Amino acid sequence: MKHLTKTILAVQAAALLMTGCQGAATAEGTEDKTPQAVQEEASVAGETTEEMGDTASEAPEAESVTEAAAGAGTQYDDPKTLPAYVYQGSEEYMDVICDYLVSDELSRVTDSAEVYIPFGMIVETDDKNPDDIIAYGSFNIDGYDLLNTTLFVTTGSRNYGAIHLKKGDDGKALVTSTDLPEVEEESKEVFAAVDGLYDKVMKEADSKLSSLQEEAIAGYVKANGLNITQWQGHGQAPKPVQGAAETPEEAQFYRYVSPLGYEMTYDLREFTLSSDDSGDLYGKVEDNDVWTGTLMAAGKSEGADTDAAIAKALSFTEASGLKGSDAAIGSGIACKRAEYDEKHEDGRIFRYVCYAVPAGNDVITVLIETTVEKGVSELSVEELEKVFESTLSTFKLS
């Protein structure tokens, strides 16, 4: 699992910042936002990355794991190499633009996704000058990792502006430069060359980008004959790939082996996972765009002091002096557990349950939390732990 990068949905990045879980900021799901809103949020969030942790709840019984989850990861965990994306459409210049977007992304990232799939549209073309052909529109790209039979979005960007091309002696076009601003006002300046073009691009982007992304994914899967049945953005439920077979039940459960020294199996329909060098963050897939802030963050602390590890995991709160009590996690792994409620001036209660699991000379912390929006009922500790019960029952040290 790669850490998430770039502006790909500054919306969820901002939501994560609200919780105090400082970790890799990423989210898919900009399709529900207008292009203007995405650019405005991206200009604030930029390419910031936040630290991520993982949370866990009190030791659930191993029997709570479903048969499908118990068998997850056995037939899907072989190393995979995904083929590179090749444009399948017929729109002039889009093949060259897609190749450019992929190569540009690969030139900038240090931890690349398994495949990059661009999508977008040319709304207007100025080809009066063959040495400076200007394609105006929306030019976007997402990076994906393969989780069982699911393409999971790990990085991406949404771009509104112009791409400059020229035709070579062989008649083939090539990209010479781009003008793809990150903020709305600068995009307006790019589109100002054509009267009314900005509004036209935004209107078409609102109505077409989601379907263009799904078509690009479906085309990639079909062209390469891949056993990929669905795709998923950060914080979103999986979506079926057009024309693909139905996702097998066992493929909905992904066994994640963390570099922190543990593994867990989680249901892709219930959680999405993002990770960086500081830890792993499991976010609950929310319904109806309601933010409950229900998260599970996993991290690691040096040394064998479990109370110190708990304090570190909760260092972004006002908790102090917490002492862990004896507990168990997974199928009976001994650990320490501590609870903390933080009351806010607006009446909300943010709840945290932290597990500290000795792992050699270190301690792995699993922190579950709920930091709800105003007007949304808080979860009790029991309800919070119930959300992660099945997932936590699969916890193992690796």
Protein backbone atom coordinates (compact mmCIF):
# COMPACT_ATOMS: atom_id res chain seq x y z
CA MET A 1 0.00 0.00 0.00
CA LYS A 2 1.52 3.30 -1.08
CA HIS A 3 1.07 6.50 0.85
CA LEU A 4 -1.33 8.95 -0.69
CA THR A 5 0.03 12.04 -2.34
CA LYS A 6 -0.94 15.23 -4.08
CA THR A 7 -4.22 17.12 -4.05
CA ILE A 8 -6.38 14.09 -4.57
CA LEU A 9 -9.26 15.20 -2.67
CA ALA A 10 -8.37 17.90 -0.35
CA VAL A 11 -11.82 17.42 1.09
CA GLN A 12 -10.88 14.35 3.06
CA ALA A 13 -7.48 15.78 3.85
CA ALA A 14 -9.23 18.61 5.63
CA ALA A 15 -11.50 16.15 7.40
CA LEU A 16 -8.53 14.19 8.70
CA LEU A 17 -6.92 17.36 9.94
CA MET A 18 -10.05 18.02 11.99
CA THR A 19 -9.63 14.79 13.90
CA GLY A 20 -6.11 15.28 15.17
CA CYS A 21 -4.86 12.16 13.42
CA GLN A 22 -1.90 13.62 11.66
CA GLY A 23 -1.17 11.36 8.76
CA ALA A 24 -1.12 11.07 5.02
CA ALA A 25 -3.83 13.26 3.59
CA THR A 26 -5.72 11.69 0.75
CA ALA A 27 -9.09 11.07 -0.47
CA GLU A 28 -10.88 10.05 -3.52
CA GLY A 29 -14.34 11.29 -4.03
CA THR A 30 -13.93 14.68 -5.57
CA GLU A 31 -16.51 13.65 -8.08
CA ASP A 32 -19.17 14.94 -5.71
CA LYS A 33 -17.45 18.30 -5.54
CA THR A 34 -17.58 20.98 -8.18
CA PRO A 35 -14.27 21.60 -9.97
CA GLN A 36 -14.22 25.05 -8.42
CA ALA A 37 -14.57 23.64 -4.92
CA VAL A 38 -11.87 21.05 -5.53
CA GLN A 39 -9.42 23.68 -6.73
CA GLU A 40 -10.20 25.98 -3.82
CA GLU A 41 -9.64 23.19 -1.31
CA ALA A 42 -6.55 21.98 -3.10
CA SER A 43 -5.04 25.44 -2.98
CA VAL A 44 -5.39 25.36 0.81
CA ALA A 45 -4.44 21.74 1.42
CA GLY A 46 -1.87 21.67 -1.34
CA GLU A 47 0.26 18.56 -1.20
CA THR A 48 0.46 18.36 2.55
CA THR A 49 0.83 14.94 4.02
CA GLU A 50 -0.38 14.04 7.46
CA GLU A 51 0.86 11.43 9.76
CA MET A 52 -1.39 8.40 10.10
CA GLY A 53 -2.05 6.04 12.88
CA ASP A 54 -4.24 3.05 13.37
CA THR A 55 -6.75 2.32 16.02
CA ALA A 56 -7.94 -0.83 17.56
CA SER A 57 -10.60 -1.83 20.00
CA GLU A 58 -10.86 -4.16 22.89
CA ALA A 59 -10.00 -7.77 22.25
CA PRO A 60 -12.82 -9.26 20.23
CA GLU A 61 -13.28 -12.97 19.98
CA ALA A 62 -11.62 -14.67 17.02
CA GLU A 63 -14.99 -16.28 16.22
CA SER A 64 -16.27 -12.86 15.09
CA VAL A 65 -14.26 -13.17 11.90
CA THR A 66 -16.42 -14.33 9.01
CA GLU A 67 -15.42 -17.34 6.98
CA ALA A 68 -14.80 -15.04 4.01
CA ALA A 69 -12.44 -12.86 6.03
CA ALA A 70 -10.66 -15.88 7.44
CA GLY A 71 -9.80 -17.02 3.92
CA ALA A 72 -8.91 -13.59 2.61
CA GLY A 73 -5.47 -12.98 1.27
CA THR A 74 -4.72 -16.60 0.51
CA GLN A 75 -5.43 -16.54 -3.21
CA TYR A 76 -4.79 -12.88 -3.88
CA ASP A 77 -1.55 -12.04 -2.08
CA ASP A 78 0.90 -13.10 -4.81
CA PRO A 79 3.01 -10.22 -6.17
CA LYS A 80 1.37 -8.55 -9.15
CA THR A 81 2.65 -6.34 -11.92
CA LEU A 82 -0.06 -4.31 -13.57
CA PRO A 83 0.39 -3.40 -17.24
CA ALA A 84 0.80 0.26 -18.12
CA TYR A 85 -2.27 2.20 -19.23
CA VAL A 86 -2.77 2.75 -22.97
CA TYR A 87 -5.46 5.13 -24.23
CA GLN A 88 -8.28 3.19 -25.90
CA GLY A 89 -10.33 6.04 -27.35
CA SER A 90 -10.29 7.90 -30.65
CA GLU A 91 -10.38 11.57 -29.63
CA GLU A 92 -7.60 13.50 -31.37
CA TYR A 93 -4.65 14.39 -29.13
CA MET A 94 -5.97 12.49 -26.08
CA ASP A 95 -3.58 9.56 -26.59
CA VAL A 96 -0.61 11.92 -26.52
CA ILE A 97 -2.01 13.84 -23.56
CA CYS A 98 -2.63 10.65 -21.57
CA ASP A 99 0.92 9.45 -22.22
CA TYR A 100 2.21 12.82 -21.06
CA LEU A 101 0.15 12.81 -17.85
CA VAL A 102 1.44 9.36 -16.90
CA SER A 103 5.10 10.13 -17.66
CA ASP A 104 4.88 13.47 -15.84
CA GLU A 105 3.41 11.79 -12.76
CA LEU A 106 6.10 9.10 -12.75
CA SER A 107 8.82 11.73 -13.04
CA ARG A 108 7.67 13.46 -9.86
CA VAL A 109 6.68 10.69 -7.44
CA THR A 110 9.11 8.76 -5.28
CA ASP A 111 6.72 5.97 -4.31
CA SER A 112 4.73 5.20 -7.44
CA ALA A 113 1.36 3.51 -7.63
CA GLU A 114 1.05 0.19 -9.45
CA VAL A 115 -0.72 1.82 -12.39
CA TYR A 116 -1.73 5.34 -13.40
CA ILE A 117 -4.97 5.83 -15.31
CA PRO A 118 -5.58 9.29 -16.77
CA PHE A 119 -9.00 10.57 -17.79
CA GLY A 120 -10.42 13.84 -18.95
CA MET A 121 -11.75 15.76 -21.92
CA ILE A 122 -10.86 18.38 -24.46
CA VAL A 123 -13.60 21.00 -24.52
CA GLU A 124 -12.07 23.33 -27.10
CA THR A 125 -9.08 23.13 -29.47
CA ASP A 126 -7.24 26.04 -31.04
CA ASP A 127 -5.25 24.57 -33.94
CA LYS A 128 -4.73 27.68 -36.03
CA ASN A 129 -0.99 27.52 -35.32
CA PRO A 130 0.36 23.98 -36.02
CA ASP A 131 3.39 24.79 -33.89
CA ASP A 132 1.21 25.71 -30.92
CA ILE A 133 -1.98 23.70 -30.84
CA ILE A 134 -3.88 24.46 -27.63
CA ALA A 135 -6.23 21.89 -26.09
CA TYR A 136 -8.46 23.38 -23.38
CA GLY A 137 -10.25 21.17 -20.91
CA SER A 138 -9.92 18.98 -17.84
CA PHE A 139 -6.95 16.61 -17.64
CA ASN A 140 -6.85 14.27 -14.65
CA ILE A 141 -4.98 11.23 -13.40
CA ASP A 142 -5.24 8.76 -10.53
CA GLY A 143 -2.75 6.19 -9.31
CA TYR A 144 -4.07 2.81 -8.19
CA ASP A 145 -2.83 -0.18 -6.24
CA LEU A 146 -4.43 -3.60 -6.65
CA LEU A 147 -6.06 -5.03 -3.52
CA ASN A 148 -7.30 -8.51 -4.38
CA THR A 149 -9.57 -7.65 -7.33
CA THR A 150 -10.01 -3.98 -6.40
CA LEU A 151 -8.17 -1.01 -7.87
CA PHE A 152 -7.69 1.36 -4.93
CA VAL A 153 -6.89 5.02 -5.53
CA THR A 154 -3.66 6.02 -3.79
CA THR A 155 -2.87 9.33 -5.45
CA GLY A 156 -4.21 11.70 -8.05
CA SER A 157 -4.88 15.19 -9.29
CA ARG A 158 -7.62 17.18 -11.00
CA ASN A 159 -6.42 19.75 -13.52
CA TYR A 160 -8.30 22.44 -15.44
CA GLY A 161 -6.41 24.40 -18.04
CA ALA A 162 -4.58 24.05 -21.34
CA ILE A 163 -2.10 21.69 -22.90
CA HIS A 164 0.10 22.93 -25.75
CA LEU A 165 1.08 20.58 -28.56
CA LYS A 166 2.75 20.63 -31.94
CA LYS A 167 2.94 18.19 -34.83
CA GLY A 168 6.27 16.72 -35.77
CA ASP A 169 7.56 16.01 -39.26
CA ASP A 170 5.88 12.60 -39.11
CA GLY A 171 2.52 14.23 -38.42
CA LYS A 172 2.32 12.94 -34.88
CA ALA A 173 1.53 15.38 -32.10
CA LEU A 174 3.62 15.86 -28.98
CA VAL A 175 3.10 17.89 -25.84
CA THR A 176 5.34 20.96 -25.67
CA SER A 177 4.08 22.56 -22.46
CA THR A 178 1.14 22.71 -20.08
CA ASP A 179 -0.76 25.43 -18.28
CA LEU A 180 -2.65 23.57 -15.55
CA PRO A 181 -3.09 25.86 -12.53
CA GLU A 182 -3.89 24.57 -9.06
CA VAL A 183 -6.26 27.40 -8.13
CA GLU A 184 -9.51 28.56 -9.68
CA GLU A 185 -8.55 32.16 -10.38
CA GLU A 186 -5.53 31.12 -12.40
CA SER A 187 -7.64 28.64 -14.38
CA LYS A 188 -10.02 31.46 -15.24
CA GLU A 189 -7.08 33.38 -16.68
CA VAL A 190 -6.08 30.42 -18.86
CA PHE A 191 -9.61 29.99 -20.21
CA ALA A 192 -10.08 33.75 -20.71
CA ALA A 193 -8.55 33.39 -24.19
CA VAL A 194 -11.96 32.08 -25.32
CA ASP A 195 -15.10 33.91 -24.26
CA GLY A 196 -17.25 31.79 -21.93
CA LEU A 197 -14.85 28.85 -22.02
CA TYR A 198 -14.29 28.66 -18.26
CA ASP A 199 -18.01 28.20 -17.53
CA LYS A 200 -18.30 25.70 -20.38
CA VAL A 201 -15.43 23.57 -19.08
CA MET A 202 -16.75 23.61 -15.52
CA LYS A 203 -20.25 22.64 -16.63
CA GLU A 204 -19.03 19.74 -18.74
CA ALA A 205 -16.64 18.59 -16.01
CA ASP A 206 -19.48 18.49 -13.49
CA SER A 207 -21.57 16.28 -15.74
CA LYS A 208 -18.95 14.06 -17.39
CA LEU A 209 -15.83 13.50 -15.30
CA SER A 210 -17.24 10.71 -13.12
CA SER A 211 -18.36 8.71 -16.13
CA LEU A 212 -15.09 9.41 -17.96
CA GLN A 213 -13.14 8.01 -15.02
CA GLU A 214 -15.28 4.87 -14.92
CA GLU A 215 -14.94 4.41 -18.67
CA ALA A 216 -11.16 4.78 -18.47
CA ILE A 217 -10.95 2.13 -15.73
CA ALA A 218 -13.27 -0.24 -17.58
CA GLY A 219 -11.32 0.23 -20.80
CA TYR A 220 -8.04 -0.51 -19.05
CA VAL A 221 -9.38 -3.68 -17.43
CA LYS A 222 -10.95 -4.97 -20.64
CA ALA A 223 -7.96 -4.16 -22.87
CA ASN A 224 -5.62 -6.12 -20.60
CA GLY A 225 -7.97 -8.96 -19.68
CA LEU A 226 -7.45 -8.35 -15.96
CA ASN A 227 -9.23 -9.99 -13.03
CA ILE A 228 -10.31 -6.63 -11.66
CA THR A 229 -13.94 -6.34 -10.64
CA GLN A 230 -14.23 -3.04 -8.77
CA TRP A 231 -12.45 0.19 -7.90
CA GLN A 232 -12.45 2.33 -4.79
CA GLY A 233 -11.62 5.87 -3.80
CA HIS A 234 -10.39 6.80 -0.34
CA GLY A 235 -13.28 6.95 2.09
CA GLN A 236 -15.71 5.53 -0.46
CA ALA A 237 -17.43 2.20 -0.93
CA PRO A 238 -16.13 0.10 -3.84
CA LYS A 239 -17.76 0.64 -7.23
CA PRO A 240 -18.14 -2.12 -9.83
CA VAL A 241 -16.04 -1.92 -12.97
CA GLN A 242 -18.29 -1.58 -15.99
CA GLY A 243 -18.66 -4.92 -17.77
CA ALA A 244 -16.64 -6.86 -15.17
CA ALA A 245 -17.71 -9.94 -13.26
CA GLU A 246 -19.23 -9.59 -9.81
CA THR A 247 -16.69 -9.33 -7.00
CA PRO A 248 -16.37 -12.63 -5.07
CA GLU A 249 -17.25 -12.30 -1.40
CA GLU A 250 -13.78 -13.41 -0.28
CA ALA A 251 -12.18 -10.75 -2.49
CA GLN A 252 -13.88 -8.04 -0.43
CA PHE A 253 -11.56 -8.85 2.48
CA TYR A 254 -8.00 -7.59 2.16
CA ARG A 255 -5.16 -8.91 4.31
CA TYR A 256 -2.78 -6.04 4.98
CA VAL A 257 0.73 -6.78 6.22
CA SER A 258 2.05 -3.56 7.69
CA PRO A 259 5.72 -2.54 7.81
CA LEU A 260 5.00 -1.68 11.44
CA GLY A 261 5.10 -5.39 12.27
CA TYR A 262 1.45 -6.43 12.38
CA GLU A 263 -1.23 -7.63 9.97
CA MET A 264 -5.00 -7.30 9.84
CA THR A 265 -7.75 -8.25 7.43
CA TYR A 266 -10.41 -5.64 6.75
CA ASP A 267 -13.56 -5.43 4.64
CA LEU A 268 -13.10 -3.09 1.67
CA ARG A 269 -16.80 -2.27 1.84
CA GLU A 270 -16.43 -0.95 5.38
CA PHE A 271 -12.99 0.69 5.54
CA THR A 272 -10.33 2.28 3.42
CA LEU A 273 -6.66 2.29 4.37
CA SER A 274 -3.96 4.85 3.73
CA SER A 275 -0.44 4.70 5.10
CA ASP A 276 2.85 6.53 5.20
CA ASP A 277 6.15 6.18 7.02
CA SER A 278 4.55 7.17 10.32
CA GLY A 279 1.69 4.69 10.39
CA ASP A 280 -1.56 3.38 8.95
CA LEU A 281 -5.00 4.96 8.98
CA TYR A 282 -8.20 2.99 8.49
CA GLY A 283 -11.22 5.19 7.81
CA LYS A 284 -14.80 4.01 8.03
CA VAL A 285 -16.69 4.25 4.74
CA GLU A 286 -19.32 6.84 5.55
CA ASP A 287 -22.91 6.86 4.31
CA ASN A 288 -24.63 9.89 2.81
CA ASP A 289 -21.59 12.14 3.20
CA VAL A 290 -22.02 12.24 6.99
CA TRP A 291 -18.67 12.56 8.74
CA THR A 292 -18.55 10.56 11.98
CA GLY A 293 -14.77 10.66 12.24
CA THR A 294 -14.70 6.93 12.95
CA LEU A 295 -11.06 5.96 12.43
CA MET A 296 -8.50 3.39 13.44
CA ALA A 297 -4.85 4.45 13.50
CA ALA A 298 -1.84 2.18 13.96
CA GLY A 299 1.60 3.43 14.91
CA LYS A 300 4.77 2.28 16.60
CA SER A 301 6.73 3.58 19.59
CA GLU A 302 10.28 2.69 20.49
CA GLY A 303 10.84 1.08 23.86
CA ALA A 304 8.74 -1.27 25.95
CA ASP A 305 6.80 1.34 27.99
CA THR A 306 3.14 0.82 27.03
CA ASP A 307 1.92 3.88 28.96
CA ALA A 308 4.43 6.06 27.13
CA ALA A 309 3.22 4.58 23.84
CA ILE A 310 -0.39 5.38 24.72
CA ALA A 311 0.59 8.94 25.62
CA LYS A 312 2.34 9.31 22.26
CA ALA A 313 -0.66 7.98 20.35
CA LEU A 314 -2.91 10.51 22.10
CA SER A 315 -0.42 13.38 22.09
CA PHE A 316 -2.66 15.49 19.82
CA THR A 317 -5.35 15.51 22.55
CA GLU A 318 -5.35 16.89 26.09
CA ALA A 319 -5.04 13.42 27.62
CA SER A 320 -2.39 13.03 30.29
CA GLY A 321 -1.37 10.43 32.81
CA LEU A 322 -3.36 7.59 31.30
CA LYS A 323 -2.48 4.13 32.57
CA GLY A 324 -3.28 1.11 30.49
CA SER A 325 -5.10 -1.83 31.99
CA ASP A 326 -4.58 -5.47 31.03
CA ALA A 327 -6.45 -6.48 27.88
CA ALA A 328 -6.13 -8.63 24.78
CA ILE A 329 -6.31 -8.03 21.05
CA GLY A 330 -6.71 -10.37 18.09
CA SER A 331 -6.96 -13.99 19.16
CA GLY A 332 -5.76 -13.30 22.68
CA ILE A 333 -2.53 -11.29 22.29
CA ALA A 334 -1.76 -9.61 25.62
CA CYS A 335 -1.74 -5.81 25.55
CA LYS A 336 -2.70 -2.71 27.52
CA ARG A 337 -5.86 -0.68 26.93
CA ALA A 338 -6.84 2.88 27.84
CA GLU A 339 -9.95 5.00 27.22
CA TYR A 340 -10.17 8.78 26.92
CA ASP A 341 -13.10 11.15 26.35
CA GLU A 342 -12.42 14.73 25.36
CA LYS A 343 -15.28 17.18 25.81
CA HIS A 344 -15.51 20.20 23.54
CA GLU A 345 -17.09 23.61 24.08
CA ASP A 346 -19.84 22.91 21.56
CA GLY A 347 -20.97 19.90 23.60
CA ARG A 348 -19.43 17.19 21.45
CA ILE A 349 -17.46 14.33 22.97
CA PHE A 350 -14.52 12.88 21.06
CA ARG A 351 -13.90 9.31 22.19
CA TYR A 352 -10.66 7.35 21.98
CA VAL A 353 -9.70 3.79 22.86
CA CYS A 354 -6.02 2.93 22.60
CA TYR A 355 -4.39 -0.48 22.60
CA ALA A 356 -0.68 -0.81 23.25
CA VAL A 357 0.73 -4.13 22.04
CA PRO A 358 4.29 -5.13 23.04
CA ALA A 359 6.22 -6.15 19.92
CA GLY A 360 9.81 -7.05 20.71
CA ASN A 361 11.61 -3.90 21.84
CA ASP A 362 8.79 -1.67 20.60
CA VAL A 363 5.09 -1.11 21.18
CA ILE A 364 2.48 -1.07 18.42
CA THR A 365 -0.43 1.22 19.24
CA VAL A 366 -3.90 0.81 17.81
CA LEU A 367 -6.09 3.85 18.41
CA ILE A 368 -9.77 3.89 17.54
CA GLU A 369 -11.68 7.13 17.67
CA THR A 370 -14.88 8.91 16.79
CA THR A 371 -14.84 12.66 16.27
CA VAL A 372 -18.28 13.43 14.91
CA GLU A 373 -19.66 16.52 13.23
CA LYS A 374 -21.90 18.76 15.25
CA GLY A 375 -25.44 17.44 15.22
CA VAL A 376 -24.41 13.80 14.76
CA SER A 377 -24.91 11.53 17.75
CA GLU A 378 -21.70 10.40 19.42
CA LEU A 379 -20.87 6.73 19.53
CA SER A 380 -20.50 5.14 22.94
CA VAL A 381 -17.26 3.30 23.66
CA GLU A 382 -19.08 0.02 23.17
CA GLU A 383 -20.51 1.15 19.83
CA LEU A 384 -17.12 2.45 18.70
CA GLU A 385 -15.37 -0.82 19.45
CA LYS A 386 -18.17 -2.77 17.78
CA VAL A 387 -17.39 -0.97 14.49
CA PHE A 388 -13.90 -2.46 14.43
CA GLU A 389 -14.60 -5.74 16.22
CA SER A 390 -14.26 -8.11 13.26
CA THR A 391 -11.21 -6.33 11.90
CA LEU A 392 -9.44 -6.28 15.26
CA SER A 393 -10.14 -9.97 15.74
CA THR A 394 -7.70 -10.61 12.87
CA PHE A 395 -4.83 -8.63 14.41
CA LYS A 396 -1.53 -10.52 14.46
CA LEU A 397 2.06 -9.61 15.09
CA SER A 398 4.18 -10.33 12.04
